[in-house]
Amino acid sequence: PPIKSMSKLFTGYIISDGSEALVIAAGINKDNYKDFEYRVVENDSNEVIPWSKISRLEQNYGAKTPYGFIGKFKAVGKQLLVEVKNIRNYSVREGVIFDWRKSYKPQITQMLISTPQDNPKRRNFFNILTTKDNRGLATKFDPLNNLPLDLAFYKDSVDNIHIDFKEHTSVAYNAFIIKSTTLSRDTTLVSSIVTENSLDIRKGNYYYPGKYELVIQRVGRLGQWPDDQAIRILFEVYSPPYYGRKIPLVTIFNYGFLTLTFCSLVGFGYYQRGKQKLKEAARDQQLATLKLKSIRSQLNPHFMFNALTSIQNLINKNNISDANFYLSKFAGLTRQVLDSNNENFLSLEDEIKMLTDYLQMEQLRFDFQYQINIDSGLNQANIEVPAMLLPCSSIHIRNVNTTSLTATSYRQVACQLVPYFLSYLVPGAHSWR
C-alpha cells in the first residue's frame, strides 16, 4: 500500500523471507540518466547512501531499450527507502520502501480521552496511560507496553479516543472494535488503512453499554496475523448512572396528571361502550321475548278449543278410555304451557315432551303419523332452548291444507347439533337455529 515517508507517499514492500531487492528505473534511459540522482535512507532516519548519480544502464528481463540500474539492496531487520529525483525538476521524485523487519506490531506512544462539554470548542483531553491524569478510568497497565488493562467509563462520558503511534512508514494498520455479549459477538472495522501516525475512534463505535475490545494490526482481515503482531485493548462501557438525578416535583405532577387523565378517558370510553352493548343486548332479548309471547298467544286459544272439541267427540262416541287418555294429555300439556309461559328458556327434554303431547292431541283431529328425530349426541336435560318447537309445529299444522293430512300422511320433526348452532327442522316450513 502507499506509505507516507516524510512529506511524500511511496510504495512499500514487506520482504518477510530476507530476500534481496533489485531496483531499476524503466523511465531512465541513455538520453536522460544524467538528470537523475538517487539516495537510500535506513529506518527513515539514517541516510546510508547520499544523493548519487545513476552511472549504470542495463538491458535485461526482455527490455527493448536500456534502463537505469539503481542497485541491489538487503537490510534484514531494517527498513530502506530508495528515492530517485530529477535534478532539473524537483517535482519529479519517486521512491520505494523495502521492509525486512520481523515484527509489525503497532507501538502506541500516547492514548488520549476527550470528554463532552457544553461548548464543543472546549473539550477536556487527558492521557489515559498515566494514573495521575486519567481520572481513574484505568488503574492497571501492561508492564510490557504500558497499555490499560481495566479501562472503563460510563456511556456518553467519552466523545473520542485518540491514539498516537510510533512511526510506521512501510506498514499500514487496520483497526477493529469487537463488542461481546452473552449472545453475540459483533465486529466493526473502525479504519481500513491507517497510514498516519494517529487514529481517532469516535463515540459511535462504542455507543452502547457493554464489553469491547480494540484490535489494531497490520492491514489484513481480523485474525490473519499472529496475536503477537497485534495490539488488543479491552475496555467496558457502563450504563449511565441514575443516582443524583433529581426530577422536579412539578415534572412528576405533570406526568402523573397526564397519565391519570389518559387512563380515565380510556376507562370511561370502555365503560360507555360496555353500557351501550348491554342496552343493545337487553333490547334484543326483549324483542325476542315479545315475538315468542306473540306466537304463544296464537297457539293457546286455537289449541284449547280444538282439543276440547276432539275430547268431546270421543265422549259422544262413548270412547271413554281414549277420552280419559287424551284428557290427561291435554291437562298435562296445558299445565306445561302455563308453567313455561313466563320462561324464555326451558330444557330441550321438556320441549320435546311438550311437542310429543301436542302431536298426540292433534292426531285426534287429523289422522296422520309423525316421527321426532333427536341427535344422539345431544344432552337433552342440560341444553336450554327457547320454547319454539311447539308454536312452530302448531303454525305449520294449521297452515297445511287439512285435506292433505290423512292416515298415510307422515310428518317429521328433526333436532340436530351443527357447529355453533342447534338446528330445528319442520318439513314444509322453515328451519330455525
Protein backbone atom coordinates (compact mmCIF):
# COMPACT_ATOMS: atom_id res chain seq x y z
CA PRO A 1 0.00 0.00 0.00
CA PRO A 2 1.06 3.63 -0.35
CA ILE A 3 3.28 4.60 2.62
CA LYS A 4 3.91 8.15 3.76
CA SER A 5 7.52 8.92 4.42
CA MET A 6 8.41 12.45 5.41
CA SER A 7 6.15 14.52 3.13
CA LYS A 8 5.52 12.09 0.25
CA LEU A 9 3.71 8.80 -0.30
CA PHE A 10 5.79 5.85 -1.51
CA THR A 11 5.00 2.30 -2.49
CA GLY A 12 6.03 -0.15 0.23
CA TYR A 13 7.02 -3.83 0.12
CA ILE A 14 7.39 -6.18 3.05
CA ILE A 15 10.05 -8.84 2.49
CA SER A 16 9.45 -11.41 5.18
CA ASP A 17 11.88 -14.08 3.91
CA GLY A 18 15.01 -11.86 3.85
CA SER A 19 15.34 -11.83 0.04
CA GLU A 20 17.34 -9.23 -1.84
CA ALA A 21 15.57 -6.29 -3.50
CA LEU A 22 16.53 -5.19 -7.04
CA VAL A 23 15.65 -1.61 -8.04
CA ILE A 24 15.58 -0.46 -11.66
CA ALA A 25 14.08 2.69 -13.29
CA ALA A 26 12.40 1.95 -16.63
CA GLY A 27 11.80 5.66 -17.26
CA ILE A 28 15.51 6.45 -17.10
CA ASN A 29 17.43 5.81 -20.34
CA LYS A 30 20.64 6.78 -22.11
CA ASP A 31 19.22 10.18 -23.03
CA ASN A 32 18.24 11.39 -19.54
CA TYR A 33 20.09 9.29 -16.97
CA LYS A 34 22.44 12.20 -16.20
CA ASP A 35 19.43 14.25 -15.00
CA PHE A 36 18.64 11.83 -12.14
CA GLU A 37 20.10 11.07 -8.73
CA TYR A 38 19.14 8.51 -6.05
CA ARG A 39 19.69 8.00 -2.36
CA VAL A 40 19.00 5.29 0.29
CA VAL A 41 17.61 6.08 3.76
CA GLU A 42 17.60 3.47 6.56
CA ASN A 43 14.69 3.34 9.05
CA ASP A 44 13.50 6.72 7.81
CA SER A 45 16.31 8.43 9.70
CA ASN A 46 19.79 7.43 8.55
CA GLU A 47 20.95 8.24 5.02
CA VAL A 48 23.21 5.31 4.17
CA ILE A 49 23.74 6.39 0.53
CA PRO A 50 23.58 10.15 -0.10
CA TRP A 51 22.27 11.62 -3.33
CA SER A 52 24.34 9.99 -6.07
CA LYS A 53 24.44 9.85 -9.86
CA ILE A 54 22.97 6.90 -11.74
CA SER A 55 26.02 5.66 -13.55
CA ARG A 56 24.83 2.35 -14.94
CA LEU A 57 22.37 1.22 -17.60
CA GLU A 58 21.23 -2.36 -18.16
CA GLN A 59 19.02 -4.21 -20.62
CA ASN A 60 17.71 -7.43 -19.08
CA TYR A 61 14.37 -9.21 -18.46
CA GLY A 62 13.27 -8.78 -22.09
CA ALA A 63 13.63 -4.99 -22.13
CA LYS A 64 13.81 -3.46 -25.65
CA THR A 65 15.92 -0.49 -24.55
CA PRO A 66 18.43 0.06 -21.73
CA TYR A 67 17.08 1.28 -18.38
CA GLY A 68 18.60 2.86 -15.33
CA PHE A 69 20.06 0.41 -12.81
CA ILE A 70 19.76 1.71 -9.22
CA GLY A 71 21.15 -1.27 -7.34
CA LYS A 72 20.53 -4.37 -5.19
CA PHE A 73 19.68 -3.93 -1.52
CA LYS A 74 19.26 -6.10 1.55
CA ALA A 75 18.91 -4.98 5.19
CA VAL A 76 17.49 -7.80 7.35
CA GLY A 77 15.58 -6.47 10.34
CA LYS A 78 15.58 -2.96 8.92
CA GLN A 79 13.71 -0.72 6.52
CA LEU A 80 15.16 1.03 3.46
CA LEU A 81 13.81 3.90 1.40
CA VAL A 82 15.24 4.11 -2.16
CA GLU A 83 14.36 7.51 -3.61
CA VAL A 84 15.02 8.94 -7.11
CA LYS A 85 14.70 12.60 -8.16
CA ASN A 86 15.18 14.71 -11.25
CA ILE A 87 17.77 17.38 -10.53
CA ARG A 88 16.30 19.65 -13.22
CA ASN A 89 12.68 19.29 -11.99
CA TYR A 90 12.27 18.56 -8.29
CA SER A 91 8.58 17.77 -8.72
CA VAL A 92 9.68 14.55 -10.43
CA ARG A 93 10.51 12.45 -7.42
CA GLU A 94 9.64 8.78 -6.79
CA GLY A 95 10.69 6.12 -4.35
CA VAL A 96 10.05 2.70 -2.90
CA ILE A 97 10.28 1.32 0.64
CA PHE A 98 11.53 -2.20 1.47
CA ASP A 99 10.90 -3.63 4.91
CA TRP A 100 12.80 -6.67 6.22
CA ARG A 101 11.63 -6.33 9.82
CA LYS A 102 10.17 -9.37 11.60
CA SER A 103 7.68 -7.57 13.84
CA TYR A 104 4.97 -5.27 12.58
CA LYS A 105 3.16 -4.89 15.84
CA PRO A 106 1.87 -1.33 16.30
CA GLN A 107 3.51 0.67 19.08
CA ILE A 108 1.33 3.20 20.90
CA THR A 109 3.08 6.24 22.31
CA GLN A 110 0.05 8.11 23.64
CA MET A 111 -3.65 7.50 24.24
CA LEU A 112 -5.89 10.49 24.86
CA ILE A 113 -9.51 10.62 26.04
CA SER A 114 -11.79 13.57 25.26
CA THR A 115 -14.94 14.23 27.27
CA PRO A 116 -18.02 16.18 26.10
CA GLN A 117 -18.57 19.77 27.17
CA ASP A 118 -21.42 22.26 26.82
CA ASN A 119 -19.22 24.17 24.39
CA PRO A 120 -17.86 21.80 21.67
CA LYS A 121 -14.80 24.03 21.24
CA ARG A 122 -13.80 23.50 24.89
CA ARG A 123 -13.26 19.78 25.27
CA ASN A 124 -11.25 18.14 28.01
CA PHE A 125 -8.33 15.96 26.92
CA PHE A 126 -6.28 13.77 29.22
CA ASN A 127 -3.79 10.97 28.82
CA ILE A 128 -5.20 7.60 29.77
CA LEU A 129 -1.77 5.96 30.06
CA THR A 130 -0.92 7.67 33.35
CA THR A 131 -2.90 7.23 36.55
CA LYS A 132 -2.12 10.80 37.51
CA ASP A 133 -4.08 12.21 34.55
CA ASN A 134 -6.65 9.60 33.58
CA ARG A 135 -9.21 10.43 36.33
CA GLY A 136 -9.39 6.84 37.49
CA LEU A 137 -10.63 5.39 34.17
CA ALA A 138 -7.77 2.88 34.27
CA THR A 139 -5.70 1.65 37.22
CA LYS A 140 -3.86 -1.38 35.81
CA PHE A 141 -1.39 -1.33 32.94
CA ASP A 142 0.51 -3.94 30.90
CA PRO A 143 4.16 -3.80 32.04
CA LEU A 144 5.39 -4.58 28.51
CA ASN A 145 3.64 -1.83 26.56
CA ASN A 146 2.00 0.31 29.28
CA LEU A 147 -1.47 -0.15 27.76
CA PRO A 148 -4.51 -0.11 30.12
CA LEU A 149 -5.90 -3.44 31.31
CA ASP A 150 -9.04 -2.23 33.07
CA LEU A 151 -10.20 0.81 31.08
CA ALA A 152 -13.87 1.57 31.82
CA PHE A 153 -16.17 4.58 31.61
CA TYR A 154 -19.86 5.49 31.56
CA LYS A 155 -21.90 5.79 28.39
CA ASP A 156 -21.76 9.26 26.80
CA SER A 157 -18.89 10.29 29.09
CA VAL A 158 -16.21 9.85 26.38
CA ASP A 159 -16.52 11.51 22.97
CA ASN A 160 -13.32 10.32 21.35
CA ILE A 161 -10.31 8.05 21.91
CA HIS A 162 -7.18 9.41 20.23
CA ILE A 163 -4.17 7.11 19.74
CA ASP A 164 -0.68 8.13 18.63
CA PHE A 165 1.65 5.52 17.07
CA LYS A 166 5.36 5.25 16.73
CA GLU A 167 6.47 5.89 13.13
CA HIS A 168 5.27 3.02 10.88
CA THR A 169 6.49 4.13 7.47
CA SER A 170 6.13 0.91 5.50
CA VAL A 171 3.21 -0.70 7.37
CA ALA A 172 -0.43 0.38 7.27
CA TYR A 173 -2.80 -0.65 10.04
CA ASN A 174 -6.38 -1.83 10.39
CA ALA A 175 -8.40 -1.01 13.50
CA PHE A 176 -11.34 -3.14 14.66
CA ILE A 177 -13.85 -2.80 17.52
CA ILE A 178 -15.34 -6.05 18.87
CA LYS A 179 -18.43 -5.91 21.09
CA SER A 180 -19.09 -9.10 23.04
CA THR A 181 -22.28 -10.15 24.80
CA THR A 182 -23.52 -13.47 26.14
CA LEU A 183 -25.49 -13.99 22.92
CA SER A 184 -23.44 -12.40 20.14
CA ARG A 185 -20.08 -11.03 19.03
CA ASP A 186 -20.15 -8.02 16.69
CA THR A 187 -17.09 -6.74 14.85
CA THR A 188 -16.77 -3.25 13.33
CA LEU A 189 -13.96 -2.04 11.07
CA VAL A 190 -13.09 1.36 12.52
CA SER A 191 -10.42 2.29 9.98
CA SER A 192 -9.43 0.26 6.92
CA ILE A 193 -5.97 1.72 6.19
CA VAL A 194 -4.17 3.74 8.84
CA THR A 195 -1.05 5.30 7.30
CA GLU A 196 -0.87 8.29 9.59
CA ASN A 197 0.78 8.15 13.00
CA SER A 198 -2.54 8.72 14.79
CA LEU A 199 -6.03 7.29 14.95
CA ASP A 200 -9.32 8.73 16.26
CA ILE A 201 -12.10 6.40 17.45
CA ARG A 202 -15.41 8.23 17.69
CA LYS A 203 -18.17 7.59 20.25
CA GLY A 204 -20.43 5.90 17.70
CA ASN A 205 -18.16 2.84 17.74
CA TYR A 206 -18.75 2.21 21.46
CA TYR A 207 -22.09 3.92 21.97
CA TYR A 208 -23.99 1.14 23.74
CA PRO A 209 -23.09 -0.23 27.19
CA GLY A 210 -21.15 -3.48 27.10
CA LYS A 211 -17.69 -5.01 26.87
CA TYR A 212 -15.46 -4.04 23.95
CA GLU A 213 -12.07 -4.94 22.52
CA LEU A 214 -9.98 -2.63 20.32
CA VAL A 215 -7.73 -4.56 17.93
CA ILE A 216 -5.02 -2.77 15.89
CA GLN A 217 -2.96 -4.85 13.49
CA ARG A 218 -1.17 -4.80 10.17
CA VAL A 219 -3.52 -4.44 7.17
CA GLY A 220 -5.47 -7.65 6.62
CA ARG A 221 -8.55 -9.45 7.80
CA LEU A 222 -9.08 -9.78 11.53
CA GLY A 223 -7.02 -12.67 12.89
CA GLN A 224 -4.92 -13.02 9.72
CA TRP A 225 -1.69 -12.29 11.62
CA PRO A 226 -0.40 -13.91 14.82
CA ASP A 227 -1.63 -12.48 18.12
CA ASP A 228 1.82 -11.19 18.98
CA GLN A 229 1.63 -8.92 15.90
CA ALA A 230 -1.49 -7.09 17.09
CA ILE A 231 -2.47 -4.77 19.93
CA ARG A 232 -5.59 -5.64 21.92
CA ILE A 233 -7.10 -3.18 24.40
CA LEU A 234 -10.08 -4.32 26.47
CA PHE A 235 -12.49 -1.72 27.82
CA GLU A 236 -16.03 -1.57 29.16
CA VAL A 237 -18.82 0.98 28.75
CA TYR A 238 -21.17 1.20 31.74
CA SER A 239 -24.82 2.15 31.68
CA PRO A 240 -25.24 5.80 32.69
CA PRO A 241 -25.65 6.28 36.46
CA TYR A 242 -29.05 7.39 37.73
CA TYR A 243 -28.12 8.38 41.24
CA GLY A 244 -28.06 12.08 41.91
CA ARG A 245 -30.54 12.83 39.16
CA LYS A 246 -33.39 14.69 40.83
CA ILE A 247 -36.63 15.05 38.95
CA PRO A 248 -38.54 18.25 39.84
CA LEU A 249 -41.85 17.74 41.67
CA VAL A 250 -43.62 19.82 39.03
CA THR A 251 -42.47 17.38 36.35
CA ILE A 252 -43.65 14.40 38.40
CA PHE A 253 -47.03 16.06 38.99
CA ASN A 254 -47.47 16.93 35.30
CA TYR A 255 -46.61 13.43 34.11
CA GLY A 256 -48.83 11.90 36.81
CA PHE A 257 -51.75 14.15 35.92
CA LEU A 258 -51.42 13.38 32.21
CA THR A 259 -51.23 9.63 32.90
CA LEU A 260 -54.26 9.72 35.20
CA THR A 261 -56.25 11.76 32.67
CA PHE A 262 -55.39 9.37 29.86
CA CYS A 263 -56.32 6.31 31.93
CA SER A 264 -59.60 7.96 32.99
CA LEU A 265 -60.54 8.75 29.40
CA VAL A 266 -59.74 5.22 28.27
CA GLY A 267 -61.69 3.72 31.19
CA PHE A 268 -64.68 5.98 30.56
CA GLY A 269 -64.65 5.03 26.88
CA TYR A 270 -64.68 1.31 27.73
CA TYR A 271 -67.46 1.90 30.29
CA GLN A 272 -69.65 3.72 27.77
CA ARG A 273 -69.02 1.07 25.16
CA GLY A 274 -69.93 -1.75 27.57
CA LYS A 275 -73.02 0.11 28.71
CA GLN A 276 -74.17 0.54 25.13
CA LYS A 277 -73.64 -3.14 24.40
CA LEU A 278 -75.67 -4.12 27.48
CA LYS A 279 -78.53 -1.87 26.32
CA GLU A 280 -78.44 -3.43 22.86
CA ALA A 281 -78.43 -6.96 24.32
CA ALA A 282 -81.36 -6.14 26.63
CA ARG A 283 -83.30 -4.64 23.72
CA ASP A 284 -82.68 -7.70 21.55
CA GLN A 285 -83.74 -10.03 24.36
CA GLN A 286 -86.91 -8.03 24.99
CA LEU A 287 -87.77 -8.13 21.28
CA ALA A 288 -87.25 -11.89 21.15
CA THR A 289 -89.43 -12.34 24.24
CA LEU A 290 -92.25 -10.31 22.69
CA LYS A 291 -92.06 -12.33 19.48
CA LEU A 292 -92.17 -15.60 21.43
CA LYS A 293 -95.18 -14.48 23.51
CA SER A 294 -96.95 -13.40 20.35
CA ILE A 295 -96.55 -16.88 18.88
CA ARG A 296 -97.72 -18.48 22.14
CA SER A 297 -100.81 -16.24 22.23
CA GLN A 298 -101.71 -17.55 18.79
CA LEU A 299 -101.31 -21.15 19.96
CA ASN A 300 -103.33 -21.15 23.19
CA PRO A 301 -106.88 -20.18 22.09
CA HIS A 302 -106.99 -22.32 18.96
CA PHE A 303 -105.37 -25.31 20.55
CA MET A 304 -107.56 -25.35 23.66
CA PHE A 305 -110.76 -25.06 21.66
CA ASN A 306 -109.78 -27.76 19.17
CA ALA A 307 -108.51 -30.14 21.86
CA LEU A 308 -111.68 -29.88 23.95
CA THR A 309 -113.79 -30.41 20.84
CA SER A 310 -111.86 -33.58 19.98
CA ILE A 311 -112.24 -34.95 23.53
CA GLN A 312 -115.97 -34.14 23.45
CA ASN A 313 -116.31 -36.15 20.24
CA LEU A 314 -114.68 -39.13 21.97
CA ILE A 315 -117.14 -38.85 24.86
CA ASN A 316 -120.07 -38.64 22.45
CA LYS A 317 -118.82 -41.81 20.78
CA ASN A 318 -118.74 -43.43 24.21
CA ASN A 319 -114.95 -43.99 23.79
CA ILE A 320 -114.28 -43.36 27.45
CA SER A 321 -110.76 -44.88 27.61
CA ASP A 322 -109.42 -42.73 24.76
CA ALA A 323 -111.24 -39.69 26.15
CA ASN A 324 -109.55 -40.19 29.54
CA PHE A 325 -106.13 -40.71 27.87
CA TYR A 326 -106.33 -37.55 25.77
CA LEU A 327 -107.89 -35.59 28.62
CA SER A 328 -104.85 -36.41 30.78
CA LYS A 329 -102.57 -35.41 27.91
CA PHE A 330 -104.48 -32.16 27.49
CA ALA A 331 -104.27 -31.38 31.20
CA GLY A 332 -100.52 -32.09 31.33
CA LEU A 333 -99.84 -30.08 28.19
CA THR A 334 -101.93 -27.15 29.46
CA ARG A 335 -100.04 -27.17 32.75
CA GLN A 336 -96.65 -27.26 30.95
CA VAL A 337 -97.64 -24.37 28.66
CA LEU A 338 -98.84 -22.29 31.60
CA ASP A 339 -95.70 -23.08 33.61
CA SER A 340 -93.40 -22.07 30.75
CA ASN A 341 -95.40 -19.01 29.76
CA ASN A 342 -93.16 -16.70 31.83
CA GLU A 343 -89.95 -18.55 30.99
CA ASN A 344 -87.87 -17.61 27.99
CA PHE A 345 -85.84 -20.83 28.06
CA LEU A 346 -86.53 -24.43 29.07
CA SER A 347 -84.65 -27.70 28.68
CA LEU A 348 -84.68 -29.49 25.35
CA GLU A 349 -86.09 -32.54 27.17
CA ASP A 350 -89.18 -30.58 28.37
CA GLU A 351 -89.57 -29.02 24.95
CA ILE A 352 -89.64 -32.45 23.25
CA LYS A 353 -92.16 -33.76 25.83
CA MET A 354 -94.50 -30.82 25.19
CA LEU A 355 -94.18 -31.36 21.44
CA THR A 356 -94.96 -35.09 21.81
CA ASP A 357 -98.10 -34.39 23.86
CA TYR A 358 -99.21 -31.76 21.39
CA LEU A 359 -98.78 -34.01 18.33
CA GLN A 360 -100.71 -36.82 20.05
CA MET A 361 -103.57 -34.38 20.70
CA GLU A 362 -103.55 -33.22 17.08
CA GLN A 363 -103.80 -36.85 15.90
CA LEU A 364 -107.38 -36.79 17.23
CA ARG A 365 -108.26 -34.20 14.59
CA PHE A 366 -106.05 -35.29 11.72
CA ASP A 367 -105.26 -38.94 11.24
CA PHE A 368 -101.52 -38.67 10.43
CA GLN A 369 -98.25 -40.25 11.56
CA TYR A 370 -95.22 -38.38 12.89
CA GLN A 371 -91.64 -39.01 13.98
CA ILE A 372 -89.32 -36.89 16.16
CA ASN A 373 -85.61 -37.35 15.37
CA ILE A 374 -83.16 -36.21 18.07
CA ASP A 375 -79.40 -36.22 17.51
CA SER A 376 -77.93 -38.91 19.78
CA GLY A 377 -75.08 -36.59 20.72
CA LEU A 378 -77.38 -34.06 22.39
CA ASN A 379 -77.66 -33.93 26.18
CA GLN A 380 -81.38 -33.06 26.28
CA ALA A 381 -81.58 -32.42 30.01
CA ASN A 382 -78.70 -29.86 30.03
CA ILE A 383 -79.47 -27.93 26.84
CA GLU A 384 -81.67 -24.88 27.31
CA VAL A 385 -83.57 -23.57 24.29
CA PRO A 386 -86.36 -21.03 23.60
CA ALA A 387 -89.86 -22.57 23.63
CA MET A 388 -90.18 -22.54 19.85
CA LEU A 389 -90.81 -26.13 18.70
CA LEU A 390 -94.42 -26.26 19.90
CA PRO A 391 -95.50 -22.85 18.47
CA CYS A 392 -93.74 -23.50 15.16
CA SER A 393 -95.20 -27.01 14.77
CA SER A 394 -98.65 -25.68 15.62
CA ILE A 395 -98.44 -22.95 13.00
CA HIS A 396 -97.19 -25.47 10.43
CA ILE A 397 -100.05 -27.92 11.05
CA ARG A 398 -102.66 -25.12 10.88
CA ASN A 399 -101.24 -23.77 7.66
CA VAL A 400 -101.05 -27.13 5.87
CA ASN A 401 -104.07 -27.98 3.81
CA THR A 402 -106.12 -30.22 6.10
CA THR A 403 -107.25 -32.38 3.21
CA SER A 404 -103.64 -33.47 2.72
CA LEU A 405 -103.44 -34.88 6.26
CA THR A 406 -104.61 -38.50 6.02
CA ALA A 407 -103.73 -41.76 7.67
CA THR A 408 -100.83 -42.12 5.30
CA SER A 409 -99.54 -38.62 5.96
CA TYR A 410 -96.12 -38.62 7.60
CA ARG A 411 -94.51 -35.72 9.39
CA GLN A 412 -91.00 -35.45 10.83
CA VAL A 413 -89.51 -33.01 13.31
CA ALA A 414 -85.69 -33.07 13.42
CA CYS A 415 -83.42 -31.62 16.10
CA GLN A 416 -79.72 -31.68 15.15
CA LEU A 417 -76.48 -30.19 16.50
CA VAL A 418 -74.34 -28.42 13.87
CA PRO A 419 -71.19 -26.33 14.53
CA TYR A 420 -72.08 -23.43 16.85
CA PHE A 421 -75.85 -23.97 16.40
CA LEU A 422 -78.76 -26.20 17.46
CA SER A 423 -80.86 -26.79 14.32
CA TYR A 424 -84.65 -27.33 14.30
CA LEU A 425 -86.22 -28.59 11.10
CA VAL A 426 -90.00 -28.87 10.48
CA PRO A 427 -90.58 -30.16 6.90
CA GLY A 428 -92.86 -27.99 4.83
CA ALA A 429 -91.98 -25.00 6.98
CA HIS A 430 -88.66 -23.27 7.69
CA SER A 431 -85.73 -24.40 9.72
CA TRP A 432 -84.63 -22.46 12.81
CA ARG A 433 -81.27 -22.18 14.55
